[in-house]
Amino acid sequence: MGFHAVDPAPEVSSGVALRHVSDHDLETFFEHQLDSDATRMAAFPARDREAHMAHWHKIMGDPTIATRTIVFDGRVAGNIVSWEEDAERQVGYWIGRSFWGKGVATAALSQFLSVVTTRPLYAYVARHNVGSIRVLEKCGFTVDTEHTGDDVDEDVLILTD
């Protein structure tokens, strides 16, 4: 499966813009992923500082992974990433809790779909994360399958065009 990424001019929608991730963003990303409500919703544990920074430096150095910082009204609101795993191009995002419910994730994902043009595109979402499922659906994803795991039940959503 090929990876296709394009870099259109930065787009602003409802105060939301995407830009390349910089080292300066990593501290904010670290703080976002420490939020216990966010980790519960994502069904993903927080990393300690060293592991978090190592993870981000690894993915920032991998040309097959598309990463963007989400900026809302001039503030770092989160990040969005696309990578290949198990022969599937996947997408995921993390929004700081203070930005929830403002349309930030929907606007960011909508813009990111112009950056990562590979289809199909998959998203794995904890079934209890109704807000994230709704974001994906607003951007054209549909539920493809359900996955019941040891730790979390997930919906697998797919974008085909």
Protein backbone atom coordinates (compact mmCIF):
# COMPACT_ATOMS: atom_id res chain seq x y z
CA MET A 1 0.00 0.00 0.00
CA GLY A 2 1.51 3.32 -1.02
CA PHE A 3 1.65 6.39 1.15
CA HIS A 4 0.58 9.62 -0.48
CA ALA A 5 0.98 12.91 1.33
CA VAL A 6 0.68 16.37 -0.12
CA ASP A 7 1.38 19.65 1.55
CA PRO A 8 -1.23 22.18 0.56
CA ALA A 9 -0.91 25.71 1.86
CA PRO A 10 -1.83 25.95 5.56
CA GLU A 11 -5.59 26.06 5.79
CA VAL A 12 -7.55 27.80 8.49
CA SER A 13 -11.08 26.66 9.25
CA SER A 14 -12.97 28.01 12.22
CA GLY A 15 -9.70 29.11 13.82
CA VAL A 16 -8.10 25.67 13.27
CA ALA A 17 -4.85 25.26 11.33
CA LEU A 18 -2.39 22.44 10.80
CA ARG A 19 1.37 22.83 10.70
CA HIS A 20 4.39 20.57 10.86
CA VAL A 21 5.23 19.32 14.35
CA SER A 22 8.18 21.05 15.99
CA ASP A 23 10.18 20.09 19.06
CA HIS A 24 8.52 23.02 20.86
CA ASP A 25 5.12 21.28 20.51
CA LEU A 26 6.19 18.13 22.34
CA GLU A 27 5.85 19.55 25.84
CA THR A 28 2.23 20.53 25.16
CA PHE A 29 1.55 17.09 23.68
CA PHE A 30 3.08 15.58 26.81
CA GLU A 31 0.78 17.62 29.07
CA HIS A 32 -2.28 16.71 26.97
CA GLN A 33 -1.62 12.97 27.26
CA LEU A 34 -1.27 13.18 31.04
CA ASP A 35 -4.96 14.12 31.41
CA SER A 36 -6.75 11.18 33.06
CA ASP A 37 -10.07 11.91 31.31
CA ALA A 38 -8.31 11.94 27.94
CA THR A 39 -6.45 8.69 28.57
CA ARG A 40 -9.71 7.05 29.67
CA MET A 41 -11.49 8.24 26.51
CA ALA A 42 -8.62 7.15 24.28
CA ALA A 43 -8.15 3.89 26.21
CA PHE A 44 -4.44 4.56 25.97
CA PRO A 45 -2.14 5.03 28.95
CA ALA A 46 -0.04 8.13 29.47
CA ARG A 47 3.70 7.86 28.93
CA ASP A 48 6.33 9.28 31.23
CA ARG A 49 8.31 12.25 29.86
CA GLU A 50 11.27 10.21 28.61
CA ALA A 51 9.10 7.63 26.82
CA HIS A 52 6.85 10.36 25.38
CA MET A 53 9.76 12.37 23.98
CA ALA A 54 11.46 9.24 22.58
CA HIS A 55 8.21 8.18 20.90
CA TRP A 56 7.72 11.58 19.27
CA HIS A 57 11.32 11.87 18.10
CA LYS A 58 11.04 8.42 16.55
CA ILE A 59 7.86 9.21 14.62
CA MET A 60 9.08 12.68 13.62
CA GLY A 61 12.12 10.99 12.06
CA ASP A 62 10.09 8.46 10.07
CA PRO A 63 9.22 9.76 6.58
CA THR A 64 6.39 7.22 6.23
CA ILE A 65 4.49 8.84 9.12
CA ALA A 66 2.58 12.07 8.55
CA THR A 67 2.36 14.27 11.64
CA ARG A 68 0.78 17.67 12.15
CA THR A 69 0.29 19.98 15.08
CA ILE A 70 -3.28 21.22 15.46
CA VAL A 71 -3.43 24.93 16.26
CA PHE A 72 -6.62 26.62 17.44
CA ASP A 73 -6.69 30.40 17.77
CA GLY A 74 -2.89 30.47 17.95
CA ARG A 75 -2.58 27.78 20.65
CA VAL A 76 -1.38 24.18 20.29
CA ALA A 77 -4.60 22.20 20.60
CA GLY A 78 -3.30 18.73 19.80
CA ASN A 79 -1.81 16.55 17.12
CA ILE A 80 -2.88 14.31 14.28
CA VAL A 81 -0.86 11.42 12.88
CA SER A 82 -1.11 8.84 10.10
CA TRP A 83 1.00 5.69 9.94
CA GLU A 84 0.95 2.23 8.41
CA GLU A 85 0.31 -0.79 10.60
CA ASP A 86 -0.60 -4.31 9.53
CA ALA A 87 -0.79 -3.17 5.89
CA GLU A 88 -3.38 -0.48 6.78
CA ARG A 89 -2.89 3.28 6.60
CA GLN A 90 -4.28 4.52 9.94
CA VAL A 91 -5.08 7.90 11.45
CA GLY A 92 -5.24 9.06 15.04
CA TYR A 93 -5.43 12.36 16.86
CA TRP A 94 -5.16 13.72 20.37
CA ILE A 95 -6.90 16.93 21.37
CA GLY A 96 -6.20 18.70 24.65
CA ARG A 97 -9.27 18.57 26.89
CA SER A 98 -9.66 22.36 27.01
CA PHE A 99 -10.34 22.21 23.26
CA TRP A 100 -13.00 19.48 23.34
CA GLY A 101 -16.47 20.35 22.07
CA LYS A 102 -15.30 23.27 19.91
CA GLY A 103 -15.15 21.50 16.54
CA VAL A 104 -11.35 21.45 16.63
CA ALA A 105 -10.96 17.71 15.96
CA THR A 106 -13.47 17.74 13.10
CA ALA A 107 -11.85 20.75 11.41
CA ALA A 108 -8.35 19.30 11.90
CA LEU A 109 -9.25 15.86 10.56
CA SER A 110 -11.05 17.40 7.60
CA GLN A 111 -7.91 19.39 6.73
CA PHE A 112 -5.61 16.41 7.35
CA LEU A 113 -7.55 14.34 4.82
CA SER A 114 -6.10 16.69 2.18
CA VAL A 115 -2.59 15.94 3.46
CA VAL A 116 -2.94 12.15 3.68
CA THR A 117 -4.75 11.12 0.53
CA THR A 118 -4.19 7.34 0.78
CA ARG A 119 -7.44 5.38 0.85
CA PRO A 120 -8.70 3.33 2.48
CA LEU A 121 -7.82 5.07 5.72
CA TYR A 122 -8.61 3.39 9.05
CA ALA A 123 -9.25 4.65 12.57
CA TYR A 124 -9.47 2.47 15.67
CA VAL A 125 -11.57 4.08 18.39
CA ALA A 126 -12.60 2.91 21.83
CA ARG A 127 -16.32 2.25 21.56
CA HIS A 128 -17.05 4.43 24.60
CA ASN A 129 -15.39 7.42 22.89
CA VAL A 130 -18.59 8.58 21.24
CA GLY A 131 -17.22 12.08 20.56
CA SER A 132 -14.32 10.76 18.52
CA ILE A 133 -16.54 8.38 16.60
CA ARG A 134 -18.79 11.33 15.74
CA VAL A 135 -15.77 13.35 14.52
CA LEU A 136 -14.79 10.52 12.20
CA GLU A 137 -18.33 10.10 10.89
CA LYS A 138 -18.59 13.85 10.17
CA CYS A 139 -15.46 13.46 8.04
CA GLY A 140 -16.90 10.58 6.02
CA PHE A 141 -15.67 7.53 7.94
CA THR A 142 -18.08 4.64 8.47
CA VAL A 143 -17.95 1.76 10.94
CA ASP A 144 -16.27 -1.15 9.21
CA THR A 145 -15.90 -3.71 11.98
CA GLU A 146 -15.97 -4.08 15.73
CA HIS A 147 -13.04 -5.45 17.68
CA THR A 148 -13.34 -6.84 21.18
CA GLY A 149 -10.01 -6.92 22.92
CA ASP A 150 -8.70 -7.85 26.32
CA ASP A 151 -8.59 -4.25 27.51
CA VAL A 152 -10.98 -2.28 25.30
CA ASP A 153 -13.78 -2.74 22.80
CA GLU A 154 -13.06 -0.80 19.61
CA ASP A 155 -14.89 0.26 16.51
CA VAL A 156 -12.82 0.23 13.34
CA LEU A 157 -13.89 3.02 11.04
CA ILE A 158 -12.87 3.34 7.40
CA LEU A 159 -12.71 6.13 4.84
CA THR A 160 -12.78 4.79 1.31
CA ASP A 161 -12.93 7.96 -0.80
